[in-house]
Amino acid sequence: MIFLRSLLFNAAFYANMIVWMILILPSLALPRAAFFAAVGAWVKSSLWLLRVIAGVRVEIRNPDKIPKGPAIVAAKHQSFLETFALVGCLGDPVIILKRELTWIPLFGWYLRKARMVPVDRGARGRALDQAARGAREEMAKGRQLLIFPEGTRRPPGATPAYKYGVAYIYDLVKFPVTPVGLNTGLFWPRRAFIRRPGVATIEFLDPIPAGLGREEALAAIQAGIERSSDRLLQEGLRELGPLAPRLSND
């Protein structure tokens, strides 16, 4: 049954994405508020499909802690699920991404409309500075920077692998950080077809104030995210019971 529900959901999810990419096209000529309203509608439709077909409900814990003004939102990254769910929570976030994505027809147009920050990863050291300065410029307009400090998706229970970039950006932009813990990888695993039914939780935590040293900030970000994610991992494992995956340190 889980295989069939996963099959139906994946087909519906990607078909829905294609349909919305076409429907949103006219919003490129409209103000950004209209564009992000359309993106928000796509997020809601995707979460509805996930709940109705795959049986996965997304719980946003502590929504009162979602920042309203400029801030860094630093989240655990286990799945594609939190990528679009967090965009829906924040409304108009800025995301740092490799510039090649903006060259993709249609998809790249949307990224430029959203004023994401493209960087040339081939520039190495300059790329981080470019990312931080681009993020600061957008955050000065009241936006939140959504960042995944480990840089890539990691399976639930894996050894943390935080990168220094989040601390560098934090030091340059001079805004607080809201850590986010989650257990989404239990229900929507990376590089996997199966969607396990249950409640995937995304938890917003108390903000870390601006002004800390880089090392202190990085330690605080990692500690907050990992404490929350470890607790949510145990919650998810208990809920899944025999459906729970085997954990990996990869």
Protein backbone atom coordinates (compact mmCIF):
# COMPACT_ATOMS: atom_id res chain seq x y z
CA MET A 1 0.00 0.00 0.00
CA ILE A 2 2.81 2.44 0.86
CA PHE A 3 4.45 1.75 -2.51
CA LEU A 4 1.19 2.47 -4.36
CA ARG A 5 0.51 5.65 -2.40
CA SER A 6 4.08 6.81 -3.01
CA LEU A 7 3.74 6.09 -6.73
CA LEU A 8 0.49 8.04 -6.97
CA PHE A 9 1.85 10.94 -4.93
CA ASN A 10 5.08 11.29 -6.91
CA ALA A 11 3.15 11.31 -10.18
CA ALA A 12 0.67 13.87 -8.85
CA PHE A 13 3.35 16.03 -7.21
CA TYR A 14 5.48 16.48 -10.33
CA ALA A 15 2.45 16.88 -12.60
CA ASN A 16 1.15 19.55 -10.23
CA MET A 17 4.53 21.29 -10.31
CA ILE A 18 4.53 21.41 -14.11
CA VAL A 19 0.98 22.76 -14.19
CA TRP A 20 1.81 25.49 -11.67
CA MET A 21 4.98 26.47 -13.53
CA ILE A 22 2.77 27.17 -16.54
CA LEU A 23 0.01 28.87 -14.54
CA ILE A 24 2.49 31.15 -12.76
CA LEU A 25 4.04 32.34 -16.03
CA PRO A 26 1.85 35.49 -16.34
CA SER A 27 2.95 36.56 -12.85
CA LEU A 28 6.39 37.35 -14.27
CA ALA A 29 4.83 40.55 -15.61
CA LEU A 30 3.13 41.36 -12.29
CA PRO A 31 4.48 42.74 -8.99
CA ARG A 32 6.50 40.32 -6.88
CA ALA A 33 3.68 40.11 -4.33
CA ALA A 34 1.48 38.46 -6.95
CA PHE A 35 4.28 36.10 -7.91
CA PHE A 36 4.85 34.94 -4.33
CA ALA A 37 1.10 34.59 -3.78
CA ALA A 38 1.11 32.13 -6.69
CA VAL A 39 4.13 30.32 -5.24
CA GLY A 40 2.30 30.07 -1.92
CA ALA A 41 -0.69 28.51 -3.66
CA TRP A 42 1.61 25.90 -5.24
CA VAL A 43 3.10 25.10 -1.82
CA LYS A 44 -0.36 24.64 -0.30
CA SER A 45 -1.48 22.40 -3.17
CA SER A 46 1.68 20.29 -2.83
CA LEU A 47 1.21 19.85 0.93
CA TRP A 48 -2.43 18.92 0.32
CA LEU A 49 -1.42 16.22 -2.16
CA LEU A 50 1.19 14.95 0.29
CA ARG A 51 -1.39 14.66 3.07
CA VAL A 52 -4.27 13.23 1.04
CA ILE A 53 -2.36 10.78 -1.16
CA ALA A 54 0.78 9.84 0.79
CA GLY A 55 -0.65 10.32 4.28
CA VAL A 56 2.12 12.73 5.35
CA ARG A 57 0.97 15.73 7.36
CA VAL A 58 3.39 18.59 7.98
CA GLU A 59 3.29 20.17 11.44
CA ILE A 60 4.85 23.63 11.84
CA ARG A 61 5.80 23.87 15.51
CA ASN A 62 6.18 27.29 17.20
CA PRO A 63 4.85 29.34 14.27
CA ASP A 64 4.98 32.39 16.55
CA LYS A 65 8.78 32.19 16.31
CA ILE A 66 8.83 32.59 12.52
CA PRO A 67 10.69 35.89 11.99
CA LYS A 68 8.69 38.72 10.47
CA GLY A 69 11.59 41.03 9.66
CA PRO A 70 15.12 40.50 8.33
CA ALA A 71 16.75 37.43 9.85
CA ILE A 72 18.66 34.30 8.92
CA VAL A 73 16.59 31.11 9.06
CA ALA A 74 19.08 28.25 9.45
CA ALA A 75 17.44 24.85 9.01
CA LYS A 76 18.39 21.21 9.15
CA HIS A 77 18.28 19.73 5.65
CA GLN A 78 17.04 16.16 5.22
CA SER A 79 14.54 16.30 2.38
CA PHE A 80 13.11 18.29 -0.49
CA LEU A 81 10.00 18.67 1.67
CA GLU A 82 11.36 21.39 3.97
CA THR A 83 12.68 23.36 1.01
CA PHE A 84 9.25 24.26 -0.29
CA ALA A 85 7.45 24.04 3.08
CA LEU A 86 9.77 26.70 4.55
CA VAL A 87 9.28 28.93 1.51
CA GLY A 88 5.56 28.72 2.26
CA CYS A 89 6.16 29.64 5.93
CA LEU A 90 8.37 32.63 5.19
CA GLY A 91 6.48 34.00 2.21
CA ASP A 92 9.30 35.93 0.52
CA PRO A 93 12.64 34.38 1.52
CA VAL A 94 15.94 34.90 -0.22
CA ILE A 95 17.99 31.79 -1.00
CA ILE A 96 21.62 31.56 -2.11
CA LEU A 97 22.03 29.24 -5.09
CA LYS A 98 24.45 28.43 -7.86
CA ARG A 99 24.10 30.82 -10.78
CA GLU A 100 23.70 28.01 -13.34
CA LEU A 101 20.17 27.43 -12.04
CA THR A 102 19.16 30.88 -13.27
CA TRP A 103 20.10 29.86 -16.80
CA ILE A 104 17.39 27.17 -16.96
CA PRO A 105 14.48 28.33 -19.16
CA LEU A 106 11.30 29.07 -17.20
CA PHE A 107 12.69 27.87 -13.85
CA GLY A 108 15.53 30.38 -14.04
CA TRP A 109 13.09 33.15 -14.90
CA TYR A 110 11.22 32.45 -11.67
CA LEU A 111 14.43 32.50 -9.64
CA ARG A 112 15.31 35.91 -11.05
CA LYS A 113 11.78 37.18 -10.39
CA ALA A 114 12.12 35.99 -6.78
CA ARG A 115 15.42 37.91 -6.51
CA MET A 116 17.38 34.92 -5.24
CA VAL A 117 21.15 35.37 -4.86
CA PRO A 118 23.11 33.51 -7.57
CA VAL A 119 26.79 32.85 -6.94
CA ASP A 120 29.63 31.49 -9.03
CA ARG A 121 30.81 28.49 -7.03
CA GLY A 122 33.84 28.25 -9.26
CA ALA A 123 35.06 31.50 -7.71
CA ARG A 124 35.65 29.67 -4.41
CA GLY A 125 36.57 32.26 -1.77
CA ARG A 126 34.89 35.08 -3.66
CA ALA A 127 31.66 33.09 -3.90
CA LEU A 128 31.06 33.24 -0.14
CA ASP A 129 31.67 36.98 -0.03
CA GLN A 130 29.42 37.45 -3.05
CA ALA A 131 26.70 35.38 -1.37
CA ALA A 132 26.92 37.29 1.91
CA ARG A 133 26.79 40.71 0.27
CA GLY A 134 23.91 39.73 -2.00
CA ALA A 135 21.99 38.33 0.96
CA ARG A 136 22.60 41.46 3.03
CA GLU A 137 21.26 43.65 0.23
CA GLU A 138 18.01 41.66 0.05
CA MET A 139 17.66 41.34 3.84
CA ALA A 140 17.90 45.12 4.14
CA LYS A 141 14.54 45.14 2.32
CA GLY A 142 12.95 43.11 5.12
CA ARG A 143 13.41 39.60 3.73
CA GLN A 144 14.62 36.47 5.54
CA LEU A 145 17.61 34.47 4.32
CA LEU A 146 16.80 30.74 4.21
CA ILE A 147 19.99 28.72 4.52
CA PHE A 148 20.91 25.09 5.17
CA PRO A 149 24.16 25.22 7.19
CA GLU A 150 25.24 21.69 6.22
CA GLY A 151 25.03 22.62 2.56
CA THR A 152 23.31 19.45 1.38
CA ARG A 153 20.66 16.97 2.47
CA ARG A 154 21.74 14.61 5.23
CA PRO A 155 19.87 11.46 6.31
CA PRO A 156 18.21 11.45 9.75
CA GLY A 157 20.67 10.52 12.47
CA ALA A 158 23.76 11.26 10.35
CA THR A 159 26.81 12.84 11.95
CA PRO A 160 26.43 16.65 11.70
CA ALA A 161 28.56 18.33 9.02
CA TYR A 162 28.09 22.07 9.46
CA LYS A 163 29.91 24.46 7.15
CA TYR A 164 31.54 27.74 8.19
CA GLY A 165 29.61 29.74 5.60
CA VAL A 166 26.58 30.39 7.81
CA ALA A 167 28.80 31.97 10.50
CA TYR A 168 30.56 34.13 7.90
CA ILE A 169 27.25 35.37 6.53
CA TYR A 170 25.87 35.92 10.05
CA ASP A 171 28.89 38.06 10.91
CA LEU A 172 28.56 40.16 7.77
CA VAL A 173 24.80 40.76 7.65
CA LYS A 174 24.44 41.58 11.39
CA PHE A 175 20.98 40.04 11.77
CA PRO A 176 19.73 37.37 14.23
CA VAL A 177 19.44 33.68 13.36
CA THR A 178 16.36 31.53 13.87
CA PRO A 179 17.42 27.84 14.00
CA VAL A 180 15.01 25.22 12.64
CA GLY A 181 15.01 21.55 13.60
CA LEU A 182 13.04 18.88 11.76
CA ASN A 183 12.52 15.18 11.06
CA THR A 184 11.20 15.36 7.49
CA GLY A 185 13.76 12.86 6.20
CA LEU A 186 11.94 10.06 8.01
CA PHE A 187 8.83 10.62 5.91
CA TRP A 188 10.26 11.98 2.63
CA PRO A 189 13.77 10.47 2.44
CA ARG A 190 16.44 11.94 0.20
CA ARG A 191 17.13 9.99 -3.02
CA ALA A 192 14.21 7.67 -2.33
CA PHE A 193 10.86 6.92 -3.92
CA ILE A 194 8.93 5.94 -0.78
CA ARG A 195 6.89 8.42 1.27
CA ARG A 196 6.14 7.09 4.77
CA PRO A 197 2.79 8.19 6.27
CA GLY A 198 2.91 10.17 9.50
CA VAL A 199 3.49 13.66 10.90
CA ALA A 200 6.63 15.39 9.62
CA THR A 201 7.57 18.15 12.04
CA ILE A 202 9.38 21.43 11.36
CA GLU A 203 10.21 23.32 14.56
CA PHE A 204 11.17 27.00 14.75
CA LEU A 205 13.41 27.79 17.74
CA ASP A 206 14.30 30.87 19.76
CA PRO A 207 16.44 33.33 17.79
CA ILE A 208 20.17 33.70 18.34
CA PRO A 209 20.92 37.44 18.63
CA ALA A 210 23.22 39.29 16.28
CA GLY A 211 26.66 40.28 17.48
CA LEU A 212 28.21 36.98 18.57
CA GLY A 213 31.62 35.89 17.33
CA ARG A 214 31.67 33.55 14.36
CA GLU A 215 32.74 30.45 16.29
CA GLU A 216 30.25 31.12 19.08
CA ALA A 217 27.44 31.70 16.58
CA LEU A 218 28.21 28.52 14.63
CA ALA A 219 28.28 26.48 17.85
CA ALA A 220 24.95 27.95 18.98
CA ILE A 221 23.32 27.34 15.60
CA GLN A 222 24.48 23.73 15.46
CA ALA A 223 23.54 23.02 19.08
CA GLY A 224 20.03 24.39 18.66
CA ILE A 225 19.31 22.62 15.38
CA GLU A 226 20.76 19.29 16.52
CA ARG A 227 18.97 19.23 19.90
CA SER A 228 15.65 19.88 18.22
CA SER A 229 16.26 17.47 15.32
CA ASP A 230 17.43 14.67 17.64
CA ARG A 231 14.29 15.02 19.76
CA LEU A 232 12.06 15.12 16.68
CA LEU A 233 13.89 12.10 15.28
CA GLN A 234 12.92 10.06 18.33
CA GLU A 235 9.32 11.30 18.07
CA GLY A 236 9.18 10.28 14.43
CA LEU A 237 10.73 6.86 15.02
CA ARG A 238 8.16 6.10 17.72
CA GLU A 239 5.34 7.17 15.42
CA LEU A 240 6.57 5.12 12.47
CA GLY A 241 7.18 1.99 14.52
CA PRO A 242 7.89 -0.94 12.17
CA LEU A 243 7.92 1.44 9.18
CA ALA A 244 10.89 3.37 10.58
CA PRO A 245 14.01 3.35 8.38
CA ARG A 246 17.38 2.04 9.41
CA LEU A 247 19.48 5.03 10.46
CA SER A 248 22.82 5.79 8.81
CA ASN A 249 25.85 7.85 9.84
CA ASP A 250 26.52 8.77 6.19
